[in-house]
Structure formats: C-alpha cells, structure tokens
Amino acid sequence: MFIRAYLRASTKEQNAKRAKSELIAFAKDSDYKIATCYVENLSGATLVRPQLMQLIDEDHAGDVILVEQIDR
C-alpha cells in the first residue's frame, strides 16, 4: 500500500504546496508516511491535468490518495 497526495491550486499565483505539511501531519498522526506527492497549478475547469493523470496511472488497488479538499 502506498499513500499518495494530490496537491492542486487553481492559479499560478496560488501555492499548490500550501497543504503539503497538513497532509504529511495527517498521515503521520495515523502512523503512515506519504510515498509521493503530485503537485500542479491548473484551473479546475481544465481536464488536462498531467500530474493527476500520472497519479491515476501509478495508483494500484489498496493505495490511498490524500487530498486537502474534496474539490481538489
């Protein structure tokens, strides 16, 4: 089982990594460690999200995906 984090911000002015420390702390509180983070600054209106597609390609049954908010 791998734990993967998806971090996305809608604009280049926003910082997609802002939630990284919170997600790492959340995993650590449950005695887990995030294996990898997928980060991108893209609008939610676009379907072209290379990091999200990479995450989906690399994800396996039993893996956990963490996101900061449901709209991510």
N, C-alpha and C. Protein backbone atom coordinates (compact mmCIF):
# COMPACT_ATOMS: atom_id res chain seq x y z
N MET A 1 0.85 -1.18 0.00
CA MET A 1 0.00 0.00 0.00
C MET A 1 0.89 1.24 0.00
N PHE A 2 0.61 2.14 -0.92
CA PHE A 2 1.28 3.44 -0.98
C PHE A 2 0.26 4.52 -0.64
N ILE A 3 0.72 5.55 0.00
CA ILE A 3 -0.12 6.73 0.24
C ILE A 3 0.41 7.82 -0.66
N ARG A 4 -0.47 8.36 -1.49
CA ARG A 4 -0.11 9.39 -2.45
C ARG A 4 -0.93 10.65 -2.14
N ALA A 5 -0.31 11.80 -2.30
CA ALA A 5 -1.01 13.07 -2.05
C ALA A 5 -1.12 13.84 -3.35
N TYR A 6 -2.31 14.40 -3.59
CA TYR A 6 -2.54 15.24 -4.76
C TYR A 6 -2.75 16.66 -4.29
N LEU A 7 -1.89 17.57 -4.75
CA LEU A 7 -1.94 18.98 -4.35
C LEU A 7 -2.16 19.82 -5.60
N ARG A 8 -3.24 20.60 -5.60
CA ARG A 8 -3.53 21.42 -6.76
C ARG A 8 -4.01 22.79 -6.33
N ALA A 9 -3.55 23.80 -7.03
CA ALA A 9 -4.06 25.16 -6.87
C ALA A 9 -4.59 25.61 -8.22
N SER A 10 -5.55 26.52 -8.20
CA SER A 10 -6.23 26.91 -9.43
C SER A 10 -5.46 27.88 -10.30
N THR A 11 -4.60 28.67 -9.71
CA THR A 11 -3.87 29.68 -10.49
C THR A 11 -2.39 29.62 -10.16
N LYS A 12 -1.59 30.21 -11.03
CA LYS A 12 -0.14 30.25 -10.80
C LYS A 12 0.21 31.14 -9.60
N GLU A 13 -0.68 32.05 -9.24
CA GLU A 13 -0.44 32.93 -8.10
C GLU A 13 -0.63 32.19 -6.77
N GLN A 14 -1.39 31.11 -6.78
CA GLN A 14 -1.63 30.33 -5.57
C GLN A 14 -0.53 29.28 -5.43
N ASN A 15 -0.32 28.81 -4.22
CA ASN A 15 0.72 27.82 -3.96
C ASN A 15 0.09 26.46 -3.73
N ALA A 16 0.28 25.56 -4.67
CA ALA A 16 -0.30 24.22 -4.56
C ALA A 16 0.29 23.43 -3.40
N LYS A 17 1.48 23.79 -2.98
CA LYS A 17 2.14 23.04 -1.90
C LYS A 17 1.70 23.49 -0.51
N ARG A 18 0.78 24.45 -0.44
CA ARG A 18 0.39 25.00 0.85
C ARG A 18 -0.18 23.95 1.79
N ALA A 19 -0.80 22.91 1.27
CA ALA A 19 -1.43 21.89 2.10
C ALA A 19 -0.52 20.71 2.38
N LYS A 20 0.68 20.72 1.82
CA LYS A 20 1.57 19.56 1.95
C LYS A 20 1.86 19.22 3.40
N SER A 21 2.22 20.20 4.19
CA SER A 21 2.56 19.94 5.60
C SER A 21 1.36 19.39 6.37
N GLU A 22 0.17 19.89 6.06
CA GLU A 22 -1.04 19.40 6.73
C GLU A 22 -1.29 17.93 6.38
N LEU A 23 -1.13 17.57 5.12
CA LEU A 23 -1.35 16.18 4.71
C LEU A 23 -0.28 15.26 5.29
N ILE A 24 0.96 15.73 5.36
CA ILE A 24 2.03 14.92 5.96
C ILE A 24 1.73 14.69 7.44
N ALA A 25 1.29 15.73 8.14
CA ALA A 25 0.95 15.61 9.56
C ALA A 25 -0.23 14.67 9.76
N PHE A 26 -1.23 14.76 8.89
CA PHE A 26 -2.40 13.88 8.97
C PHE A 26 -1.97 12.42 8.84
N ALA A 27 -1.12 12.13 7.86
CA ALA A 27 -0.64 10.76 7.65
C ALA A 27 0.18 10.29 8.85
N LYS A 28 1.06 11.17 9.34
CA LYS A 28 1.93 10.82 10.47
C LYS A 28 1.11 10.51 11.72
N ASP A 29 0.03 11.26 11.94
CA ASP A 29 -0.83 11.02 13.10
C ASP A 29 -1.45 9.62 13.07
N SER A 30 -1.53 9.05 11.88
CA SER A 30 -2.08 7.69 11.72
C SER A 30 -0.97 6.66 11.52
N ASP A 31 0.27 7.07 11.82
CA ASP A 31 1.45 6.21 11.68
C ASP A 31 1.70 5.76 10.25
N TYR A 32 1.43 6.66 9.30
CA TYR A 32 1.70 6.40 7.89
C TYR A 32 2.62 7.49 7.35
N LYS A 33 3.19 7.21 6.21
CA LYS A 33 4.05 8.17 5.54
C LYS A 33 3.62 8.29 4.08
N ILE A 34 3.55 9.52 3.59
CA ILE A 34 3.19 9.75 2.18
C ILE A 34 4.37 9.34 1.31
N ALA A 35 4.12 8.47 0.35
CA ALA A 35 5.17 7.97 -0.52
C ALA A 35 5.56 9.00 -1.58
N THR A 36 4.58 9.70 -2.10
CA THR A 36 4.87 10.68 -3.16
C THR A 36 3.75 11.72 -3.22
N CYS A 37 4.12 12.89 -3.71
CA CYS A 37 3.16 13.98 -3.89
C CYS A 37 3.10 14.36 -5.36
N TYR A 38 1.92 14.63 -5.84
CA TYR A 38 1.68 15.08 -7.21
C TYR A 38 1.17 16.51 -7.10
N VAL A 39 1.91 17.45 -7.68
CA VAL A 39 1.62 18.87 -7.49
C VAL A 39 1.42 19.54 -8.84
N GLU A 40 0.35 20.34 -8.93
CA GLU A 40 0.16 21.13 -10.14
C GLU A 40 -0.66 22.38 -9.85
N ASN A 41 -0.40 23.41 -10.64
CA ASN A 41 -1.15 24.67 -10.58
C ASN A 41 -1.93 24.80 -11.88
N LEU A 42 -3.15 24.31 -11.84
CA LEU A 42 -4.03 24.34 -13.01
C LEU A 42 -5.45 24.60 -12.57
N SER A 43 -6.20 25.25 -13.40
CA SER A 43 -7.60 25.50 -13.12
C SER A 43 -8.38 24.19 -13.07
N GLY A 44 -9.35 24.16 -12.18
CA GLY A 44 -10.23 23.01 -12.10
C GLY A 44 -11.13 22.88 -13.32
N ALA A 45 -11.20 23.94 -14.12
CA ALA A 45 -12.04 23.92 -15.32
C ALA A 45 -11.41 23.14 -16.47
N THR A 46 -10.10 22.89 -16.39
CA THR A 46 -9.44 22.17 -17.46
C THR A 46 -9.37 20.67 -17.15
N LEU A 47 -9.52 19.86 -18.16
CA LEU A 47 -9.41 18.41 -17.98
C LEU A 47 -7.98 17.93 -18.22
N VAL A 48 -7.11 18.83 -18.69
CA VAL A 48 -5.72 18.47 -18.93
C VAL A 48 -4.94 18.69 -17.63
N ARG A 49 -4.74 17.61 -16.90
CA ARG A 49 -4.04 17.67 -15.61
C ARG A 49 -2.99 16.56 -15.59
N PRO A 50 -1.80 16.83 -16.07
CA PRO A 50 -0.78 15.79 -16.20
C PRO A 50 -0.44 15.06 -14.89
N GLN A 51 -0.33 15.80 -13.80
CA GLN A 51 0.01 15.16 -12.53
C GLN A 51 -1.11 14.26 -12.03
N LEU A 52 -2.35 14.69 -12.20
CA LEU A 52 -3.48 13.85 -11.81
C LEU A 52 -3.52 12.58 -12.65
N MET A 53 -3.27 12.71 -13.95
CA MET A 53 -3.25 11.53 -14.82
C MET A 53 -2.11 10.58 -14.44
N GLN A 54 -0.96 11.14 -14.06
CA GLN A 54 0.15 10.31 -13.63
C GLN A 54 -0.21 9.57 -12.35
N LEU A 55 -0.85 10.27 -11.40
CA LEU A 55 -1.28 9.65 -10.16
C LEU A 55 -2.21 8.48 -10.46
N ILE A 56 -3.18 8.69 -11.32
CA ILE A 56 -4.15 7.64 -11.66
C ILE A 56 -3.44 6.46 -12.32
N ASP A 57 -2.48 6.74 -13.19
CA ASP A 57 -1.73 5.66 -13.85
C ASP A 57 -0.90 4.85 -12.86
N GLU A 58 -0.34 5.50 -11.85
CA GLU A 58 0.55 4.84 -10.91
C GLU A 58 -0.17 4.24 -9.71
N ASP A 59 -1.41 4.60 -9.50
CA ASP A 59 -2.19 4.12 -8.37
C ASP A 59 -2.55 2.65 -8.57
N HIS A 60 -2.58 1.90 -7.48
CA HIS A 60 -2.96 0.49 -7.51
C HIS A 60 -4.05 0.23 -6.48
N ALA A 61 -4.74 -0.86 -6.64
CA ALA A 61 -5.76 -1.26 -5.67
C ALA A 61 -5.11 -1.32 -4.29
N GLY A 62 -5.77 -0.75 -3.31
CA GLY A 62 -5.25 -0.73 -1.94
C GLY A 62 -4.46 0.51 -1.60
N ASP A 63 -4.06 1.30 -2.60
CA ASP A 63 -3.36 2.55 -2.32
C ASP A 63 -4.33 3.58 -1.76
N VAL A 64 -3.78 4.58 -1.10
CA VAL A 64 -4.58 5.66 -0.52
C VAL A 64 -4.19 6.96 -1.20
N ILE A 65 -5.19 7.76 -1.58
CA ILE A 65 -4.95 9.07 -2.17
C ILE A 65 -5.47 10.12 -1.20
N LEU A 66 -4.60 11.02 -0.79
CA LEU A 66 -4.98 12.11 0.10
C LEU A 66 -5.10 13.41 -0.70
N VAL A 67 -6.15 14.17 -0.44
CA VAL A 67 -6.33 15.49 -0.99
C VAL A 67 -6.76 16.42 0.13
N GLU A 68 -6.43 17.67 -0.02
CA GLU A 68 -6.76 18.63 1.05
C GLU A 68 -8.26 18.89 1.12
N GLN A 69 -8.89 19.10 -0.02
CA GLN A 69 -10.31 19.42 -0.06
C GLN A 69 -10.97 18.57 -1.13
N ILE A 70 -12.23 18.32 -0.98
CA ILE A 70 -12.98 17.48 -1.92
C ILE A 70 -12.98 18.04 -3.33
N ASP A 71 -12.88 19.36 -3.47
CA ASP A 71 -12.88 19.96 -4.81
C ASP A 71 -11.52 19.86 -5.50
N ARG A 72 -10.56 19.29 -4.87
CA ARG A 72 -9.24 19.12 -5.47
C ARG A 72 -9.25 17.87 -6.32
